[in-house]
């Protein structure tokens, strides 16, 4: 219950990013986990060169609970869903070239140009709503291929029960309208925080 309350409070804050004026996340450096979920809560994203992105939650024994299990799928073409599922299941990182090819980011620019480019993109969306990147509100059938590496990038085995929970959450959340999907994801993420894999993973992260 405490985990669910925490996740719901975080998501109420992130939910404000899609209300009213268009919002653009400017990505630079290492954009990981909750930071990437925050960016996915905006209407659009633009990245600085050499930015690295990842959903490493599975490597610390939890699942993405702030939109990561379905916001990516809702923001990109279905031809890229397998690549997104692989990133979610393994925690392996990806770069700006992949992110742009997926449609996850609108553009990649030199880091010094990032603030101006972000403001220009936001202004263009505010003046012409048709320039806001598409976002699927309704349900869709997403099938997760589990024939992917079972270790993280460091070669550490990932928890099998957690992977099963993540697969069920990705498929279940995408099969629902957005609001219902968000509620399902909250409950599943809270469940992951109460699993033994979470305690083990977070301790390992702190030692690192």
C-alpha atoms as a PDB file:
ATOM      1  CA  UNK A   1       0.000   0.000   0.000  1.00  0.00           C
ATOM      2  CA  UNK A   2       2.838   2.403   0.808  1.00  0.00           C
ATOM      3  CA  UNK A   3       4.524   1.653  -2.508  1.00  0.00           C
ATOM      4  CA  UNK A   4       1.280   2.213  -4.405  1.00  0.00           C
ATOM      5  CA  UNK A   5       0.705   5.540  -2.638  1.00  0.00           C
ATOM      6  CA  UNK A   6       4.230   6.677  -3.527  1.00  0.00           C
ATOM      7  CA  UNK A   7       3.831   5.738  -7.191  1.00  0.00           C
ATOM      8  CA  UNK A   8       0.428   7.421  -7.433  1.00  0.00           C
ATOM      9  CA  UNK A   9       1.795  10.661  -5.978  1.00  0.00           C
ATOM     10  CA  UNK A  10       4.649  10.648  -8.480  1.00  0.00           C
ATOM     11  CA  UNK A  11       2.268   9.954 -11.357  1.00  0.00           C
ATOM     12  CA  UNK A  12      -0.092  12.767 -10.342  1.00  0.00           C
ATOM     13  CA  UNK A  13       2.850  15.132 -10.709  1.00  0.00           C
ATOM     14  CA  UNK A  14       3.971  13.703 -14.042  1.00  0.00           C
ATOM     15  CA  UNK A  15       0.374  13.797 -15.296  1.00  0.00           C
ATOM     16  CA  UNK A  16       0.469  17.596 -15.180  1.00  0.00           C
ATOM     17  CA  UNK A  17       3.020  17.638 -18.004  1.00  0.00           C
ATOM     18  CA  UNK A  18       0.367  16.737 -20.587  1.00  0.00           C
ATOM     19  CA  UNK A  19      -2.162  19.296 -19.387  1.00  0.00           C
ATOM     20  CA  UNK A  20      -2.428  22.688 -21.092  1.00  0.00           C
ATOM     21  CA  UNK A  21       0.621  24.011 -22.910  1.00  0.00           C
ATOM     22  CA  UNK A  22       2.861  21.670 -24.922  1.00  0.00           C
ATOM     23  CA  UNK A  23       5.865  20.404 -22.986  1.00  0.00           C
ATOM     24  CA  UNK A  24       9.234  19.349 -24.375  1.00  0.00           C
ATOM     25  CA  UNK A  25      11.834  17.316 -22.489  1.00  0.00           C
ATOM     26  CA  UNK A  26      15.435  18.251 -23.303  1.00  0.00           C
ATOM     27  CA  UNK A  27      17.599  15.129 -22.910  1.00  0.00           C
ATOM     28  CA  UNK A  28      21.330  15.234 -22.319  1.00  0.00           C
ATOM     29  CA  UNK A  29      23.931  12.961 -20.750  1.00  0.00           C
ATOM     30  CA  UNK A  30      22.488   9.790 -19.207  1.00  0.00           C
ATOM     31  CA  UNK A  31      18.677   9.694 -19.128  1.00  0.00           C
ATOM     32  CA  UNK A  32      17.717   6.590 -17.191  1.00  0.00           C
ATOM     33  CA  UNK A  33      14.703   5.012 -15.528  1.00  0.00           C
ATOM     34  CA  UNK A  34      12.451   7.534 -13.843  1.00  0.00           C
ATOM     35  CA  UNK A  35      14.161  10.394 -15.665  1.00  0.00           C
ATOM     36  CA  UNK A  36      13.266   8.828 -19.007  1.00  0.00           C
ATOM     37  CA  UNK A  37       9.716   8.160 -17.785  1.00  0.00           C
ATOM     38  CA  UNK A  38       9.459  11.857 -16.862  1.00  0.00           C
ATOM     39  CA  UNK A  39      10.563  12.734 -20.394  1.00  0.00           C
ATOM     40  CA  UNK A  40       7.963  10.347 -21.841  1.00  0.00           C
ATOM     41  CA  UNK A  41       5.294  12.204 -19.861  1.00  0.00           C
ATOM     42  CA  UNK A  42       5.930  15.296 -22.004  1.00  0.00           C
ATOM     43  CA  UNK A  43       4.389  15.879 -25.415  1.00  0.00           C
ATOM     44  CA  UNK A  44       7.766  15.684 -27.169  1.00  0.00           C
ATOM     45  CA  UNK A  45      11.458  15.109 -26.591  1.00  0.00           C
ATOM     46  CA  UNK A  46      14.636  16.460 -28.151  1.00  0.00           C
ATOM     47  CA  UNK A  47      18.099  15.077 -27.372  1.00  0.00           C
ATOM     48  CA  UNK A  48      21.637  16.350 -27.272  1.00  0.00           C
ATOM     49  CA  UNK A  49      24.263  14.385 -29.177  1.00  0.00           C
ATOM     50  CA  UNK A  50      25.729  11.311 -27.439  1.00  0.00           C
ATOM     51  CA  UNK A  51      22.861  11.127 -24.959  1.00  0.00           C
ATOM     52  CA  UNK A  52      22.424   7.607 -23.540  1.00  0.00           C
ATOM     53  CA  UNK A  53      19.001   6.267 -22.593  1.00  0.00           C
ATOM     54  CA  UNK A  54      17.861   3.160 -20.724  1.00  0.00           C
ATOM     55  CA  UNK A  55      15.203   1.594 -18.544  1.00  0.00           C
ATOM     56  CA  UNK A  56      17.464  -0.209 -16.034  1.00  0.00           C
ATOM     57  CA  UNK A  57      14.694  -0.893 -13.511  1.00  0.00           C
ATOM     58  CA  UNK A  58      14.849  -4.656 -14.013  1.00  0.00           C
ATOM     59  CA  UNK A  59      18.514  -4.615 -12.989  1.00  0.00           C
ATOM     60  CA  UNK A  60      17.507  -3.425  -9.503  1.00  0.00           C
ATOM     61  CA  UNK A  61      14.507  -5.719  -9.185  1.00  0.00           C
ATOM     62  CA  UNK A  62      11.556  -3.468 -10.062  1.00  0.00           C
ATOM     63  CA  UNK A  63       9.528  -2.585 -13.158  1.00  0.00           C
ATOM     64  CA  UNK A  64       9.010   0.877 -14.693  1.00  0.00           C
ATOM     65  CA  UNK A  65       5.949   2.231 -12.900  1.00  0.00           C
ATOM     66  CA  UNK A  66       5.633   5.817 -14.113  1.00  0.00           C
ATOM     67  CA  UNK A  67       4.495   5.138 -17.665  1.00  0.00           C
ATOM     68  CA  UNK A  68       7.458   3.171 -18.951  1.00  0.00           C
ATOM     69  CA  UNK A  69       5.441   0.012 -19.590  1.00  0.00           C
ATOM     70  CA  UNK A  70       3.149   1.654 -22.144  1.00  0.00           C
ATOM     71  CA  UNK A  71       3.944   5.320 -22.848  1.00  0.00           C
ATOM     72  CA  UNK A  72       6.733   4.367 -25.263  1.00  0.00           C
ATOM     73  CA  UNK A  73       4.443   2.050 -27.188  1.00  0.00           C
ATOM     74  CA  UNK A  74       1.788   4.777 -27.334  1.00  0.00           C
ATOM     75  CA  UNK A  75       4.291   7.280 -28.735  1.00  0.00           C
ATOM     76  CA  UNK A  76       5.900   5.301 -31.554  1.00  0.00           C
ATOM     77  CA  UNK A  77       4.971   3.177 -34.551  1.00  0.00           C
ATOM     78  CA  UNK A  78       4.223  -0.496 -33.878  1.00  0.00           C
ATOM     79  CA  UNK A  79       7.175  -1.565 -36.028  1.00  0.00           C
ATOM     80  CA  UNK A  80       9.441  -0.504 -33.146  1.00  0.00           C
ATOM     81  CA  UNK A  81       7.580  -2.218 -30.310  1.00  0.00           C
ATOM     82  CA  UNK A  82       9.848  -5.283 -30.314  1.00  0.00           C
ATOM     83  CA  UNK A  83      12.931  -3.105 -29.851  1.00  0.00           C
ATOM     84  CA  UNK A  84      11.238  -1.210 -27.031  1.00  0.00           C
ATOM     85  CA  UNK A  85      10.190  -4.446 -25.323  1.00  0.00           C
ATOM     86  CA  UNK A  86      13.766  -5.693 -25.541  1.00  0.00           C
ATOM     87  CA  UNK A  87      15.063  -2.514 -23.894  1.00  0.00           C
ATOM     88  CA  UNK A  88      12.474  -2.816 -21.118  1.00  0.00           C
ATOM     89  CA  UNK A  89      13.106  -6.504 -20.432  1.00  0.00           C
ATOM     90  CA  UNK A  90      16.898  -6.367 -20.457  1.00  0.00           C
ATOM     91  CA  UNK A  91      17.637  -2.883 -19.121  1.00  0.00           C
ATOM     92  CA  UNK A  92      20.153  -2.507 -21.961  1.00  0.00           C
ATOM     93  CA  UNK A  93      20.793   1.065 -23.045  1.00  0.00           C
ATOM     94  CA  UNK A  94      20.224   2.677 -26.431  1.00  0.00           C
ATOM     95  CA  UNK A  95      21.406   5.837 -28.121  1.00  0.00           C
ATOM     96  CA  UNK A  96      19.950   8.857 -29.838  1.00  0.00           C
ATOM     97  CA  UNK A  97      20.068   7.276 -33.313  1.00  0.00           C
ATOM     98  CA  UNK A  98      17.748   4.500 -32.174  1.00  0.00           C
ATOM     99  CA  UNK A  99      15.557   6.891 -30.243  1.00  0.00           C
ATOM    100  CA  UNK A 100      15.113   9.115 -33.288  1.00  0.00           C
ATOM    101  CA  UNK A 101      14.471   6.147 -35.590  1.00  0.00           C
ATOM    102  CA  UNK A 102      11.729   4.974 -33.224  1.00  0.00           C
ATOM    103  CA  UNK A 103      10.207   8.454 -33.040  1.00  0.00           C
ATOM    104  CA  UNK A 104      10.955   8.646 -29.329  1.00  0.00           C
ATOM    105  CA  UNK A 105      12.799  11.947 -29.877  1.00  0.00           C
ATOM    106  CA  UNK A 106      11.894  14.554 -32.474  1.00  0.00           C
ATOM    107  CA  UNK A 107      15.468  15.608 -33.185  1.00  0.00           C
ATOM    108  CA  UNK A 108      19.094  15.243 -32.082  1.00  0.00           C
ATOM    109  CA  UNK A 109      21.169  18.415 -31.878  1.00  0.00           C
ATOM    110  CA  UNK A 110      24.550  19.601 -30.636  1.00  0.00           C
ATOM    111  CA  UNK A 111      24.448  20.035 -26.853  1.00  0.00           C
ATOM    112  CA  UNK A 112      25.032  23.837 -26.945  1.00  0.00           C
ATOM    113  CA  UNK A 113      22.008  24.141 -29.267  1.00  0.00           C
ATOM    114  CA  UNK A 114      19.696  22.074 -27.056  1.00  0.00           C
ATOM    115  CA  UNK A 115      17.996  24.876 -25.050  1.00  0.00           C
ATOM    116  CA  UNK A 116      17.166  26.963 -28.124  1.00  0.00           C
ATOM    117  CA  UNK A 117      16.063  23.931 -30.148  1.00  0.00           C
ATOM    118  CA  UNK A 118      13.793  22.766 -27.324  1.00  0.00           C
ATOM    119  CA  UNK A 119      12.128  26.160 -27.020  1.00  0.00           C
ATOM    120  CA  UNK A 120      11.692  26.367 -30.797  1.00  0.00           C
ATOM    121  CA  UNK A 121      10.009  22.953 -30.858  1.00  0.00           C
ATOM    122  CA  UNK A 122       7.696  23.892 -27.989  1.00  0.00           C
ATOM    123  CA  UNK A 123       6.761  27.172 -29.676  1.00  0.00           C
ATOM    124  CA  UNK A 124       6.005  25.432 -32.965  1.00  0.00           C
ATOM    125  CA  UNK A 125       3.688  22.961 -31.210  1.00  0.00           C
ATOM    126  CA  UNK A 126       1.952  25.773 -29.335  1.00  0.00           C
ATOM    127  CA  UNK A 127       1.274  27.667 -32.584  1.00  0.00           C
ATOM    128  CA  UNK A 128       0.309  24.564 -34.586  1.00  0.00           C
ATOM    129  CA  UNK A 129      -1.176  21.643 -32.601  1.00  0.00           C
ATOM    130  CA  UNK A 130      -0.780  19.361 -35.632  1.00  0.00           C
ATOM    131  CA  UNK A 131       2.968  19.377 -34.921  1.00  0.00           C
ATOM    132  CA  UNK A 132       2.485  17.665 -31.556  1.00  0.00           C
ATOM    133  CA  UNK A 133       3.798  14.088 -31.909  1.00  0.00           C
ATOM    134  CA  UNK A 134       1.026  11.465 -31.918  1.00  0.00           C
ATOM    135  CA  UNK A 135       0.131   9.635 -28.722  1.00  0.00           C
ATOM    136  CA  UNK A 136      -2.215   6.653 -28.691  1.00  0.00           C
ATOM    137  CA  UNK A 137      -4.942   6.961 -26.041  1.00  0.00           C
ATOM    138  CA  UNK A 138      -6.785   3.755 -26.928  1.00  0.00           C
ATOM    139  CA  UNK A 139      -5.922   0.061 -26.561  1.00  0.00           C
ATOM    140  CA  UNK A 140      -3.657  -2.000 -28.815  1.00  0.00           C
ATOM    141  CA  UNK A 141      -2.420  -5.571 -28.890  1.00  0.00           C
ATOM    142  CA  UNK A 142       1.226  -5.779 -27.889  1.00  0.00           C
ATOM    143  CA  UNK A 143       2.855  -9.214 -27.733  1.00  0.00           C
ATOM    144  CA  UNK A 144       6.182  -9.355 -25.914  1.00  0.00           C
ATOM    145  CA  UNK A 145       8.867 -11.637 -27.324  1.00  0.00           C
ATOM    146  CA  UNK A 146      10.777 -13.042 -24.341  1.00  0.00           C
ATOM    147  CA  UNK A 147      13.556 -14.502 -26.486  1.00  0.00           C
ATOM    148  CA  UNK A 148      15.966 -11.788 -25.362  1.00  0.00           C
ATOM    149  CA  UNK A 149      19.056 -11.790 -23.094  1.00  0.00           C
ATOM    150  CA  UNK A 150      18.314 -12.797 -19.497  1.00  0.00           C
ATOM    151  CA  UNK A 151      21.225 -10.777 -18.133  1.00  0.00           C
ATOM    152  CA  UNK A 152      21.890  -7.076 -17.859  1.00  0.00           C
ATOM    153  CA  UNK A 153      24.748  -5.350 -19.680  1.00  0.00           C
ATOM    154  CA  UNK A 154      27.141  -6.374 -16.899  1.00  0.00           C
ATOM    155  CA  UNK A 155      26.175 -10.031 -17.328  1.00  0.00           C
ATOM    156  CA  UNK A 156      24.169 -10.238 -14.089  1.00  0.00           C
ATOM    157  CA  UNK A 157      21.148 -12.598 -14.351  1.00  0.00           C
ATOM    158  CA  UNK A 158      17.756 -10.886 -14.127  1.00  0.00           C
ATOM    159  CA  UNK A 159      14.978 -12.189 -11.875  1.00  0.00           C
ATOM    160  CA  UNK A 160      12.634 -14.514 -13.801  1.00  0.00           C
ATOM    161  CA  UNK A 161       9.537 -13.732 -11.703  1.00  0.00           C
ATOM    162  CA  UNK A 162      10.086 -10.025 -12.182  1.00  0.00           C
ATOM    163  CA  UNK A 163      10.416 -10.518 -15.934  1.00  0.00           C
ATOM    164  CA  UNK A 164       7.085 -12.376 -15.990  1.00  0.00           C
ATOM    165  CA  UNK A 165       5.469  -9.500 -14.115  1.00  0.00           C
ATOM    166  CA  UNK A 166       6.962  -6.960 -16.534  1.00  0.00           C
ATOM    167  CA  UNK A 167       5.763  -8.888 -19.594  1.00  0.00           C
ATOM    168  CA  UNK A 168       2.234  -9.120 -18.163  1.00  0.00           C
ATOM    169  CA  UNK A 169       2.265  -5.388 -17.372  1.00  0.00           C
ATOM    170  CA  UNK A 170       3.444  -4.335 -20.838  1.00  0.00           C
ATOM    171  CA  UNK A 171       0.830  -6.475 -22.564  1.00  0.00           C
ATOM    172  CA  UNK A 172      -1.949  -5.680 -20.086  1.00  0.00           C
ATOM    173  CA  UNK A 173      -1.383  -1.917 -19.994  1.00  0.00           C
ATOM    174  CA  UNK A 174      -1.265  -1.564 -23.758  1.00  0.00           C
ATOM    175  CA  UNK A 175      -4.501  -3.524 -24.093  1.00  0.00           C
ATOM    176  CA  UNK A 176      -6.381  -0.845 -22.115  1.00  0.00           C
ATOM    177  CA  UNK A 177      -7.340   2.806 -22.647  1.00  0.00           C
ATOM    178  CA  UNK A 178      -4.707   5.167 -21.258  1.00  0.00           C
ATOM    179  CA  UNK A 179      -6.282   5.973 -17.878  1.00  0.00           C
ATOM    180  CA  UNK A 180      -7.054   2.330 -17.114  1.00  0.00           C
ATOM    181  CA  UNK A 181      -3.574   1.321 -18.264  1.00  0.00           C
ATOM    182  CA  UNK A 182      -1.996   3.815 -15.897  1.00  0.00           C
ATOM    183  CA  UNK A 183      -3.905   2.380 -12.942  1.00  0.00           C
ATOM    184  CA  UNK A 184      -2.903  -1.173 -13.863  1.00  0.00           C
ATOM    185  CA  UNK A 185       0.735  -0.173 -14.176  1.00  0.00           C
ATOM    186  CA  UNK A 186       0.654   1.512 -10.754  1.00  0.00           C
ATOM    187  CA  UNK A 187      -0.555  -1.664  -9.067  1.00  0.00           C
ATOM    188  CA  UNK A 188       1.953  -3.894 -10.853  1.00  0.00           C
ATOM    189  CA  UNK A 189       4.828  -1.525 -10.056  1.00  0.00           C
ATOM    190  CA  UNK A 190       3.840  -1.457  -6.394  1.00  0.00           C
ATOM    191  CA  UNK A 191       3.779  -5.248  -6.465  1.00  0.00           C
ATOM    192  CA  UNK A 192       7.323  -5.286  -7.868  1.00  0.00           C
ATOM    193  CA  UNK A 193       8.531  -3.032  -5.052  1.00  0.00           C
ATOM    194  CA  UNK A 194       7.237  -5.581  -2.542  1.00  0.00           C
ATOM    195  CA  UNK A 195       9.057  -8.532  -4.177  1.00  0.00           C
ATOM    196  CA  UNK A 196      12.289  -9.993  -2.822  1.00  0.00           C
ATOM    197  CA  UNK A 197      14.052  -9.082  -6.083  1.00  0.00           C
ATOM    198  CA  UNK A 198      13.559  -5.417  -5.235  1.00  0.00           C
ATOM    199  CA  UNK A 199      15.338  -5.636  -1.878  1.00  0.00           C
ATOM    200  CA  UNK A 200      18.225  -7.603  -3.393  1.00  0.00           C
ATOM    201  CA  UNK A 201      18.551  -5.332  -6.396  1.00  0.00           C
ATOM    202  CA  UNK A 202      18.487  -2.070  -4.480  1.00  0.00           C
ATOM    203  CA  UNK A 203      21.119  -3.326  -2.041  1.00  0.00           C
ATOM    204  CA  UNK A 204      23.327  -4.284  -4.975  1.00  0.00           C
ATOM    205  CA  UNK A 205      22.811  -0.841  -6.533  1.00  0.00           C
ATOM    206  CA  UNK A 206      23.774   0.886  -3.280  1.00  0.00           C
ATOM    207  CA  UNK A 207      26.953  -1.226  -3.029  1.00  0.00           C
ATOM    208  CA  UNK A 208      27.799  -0.204  -6.591  1.00  0.00           C
END
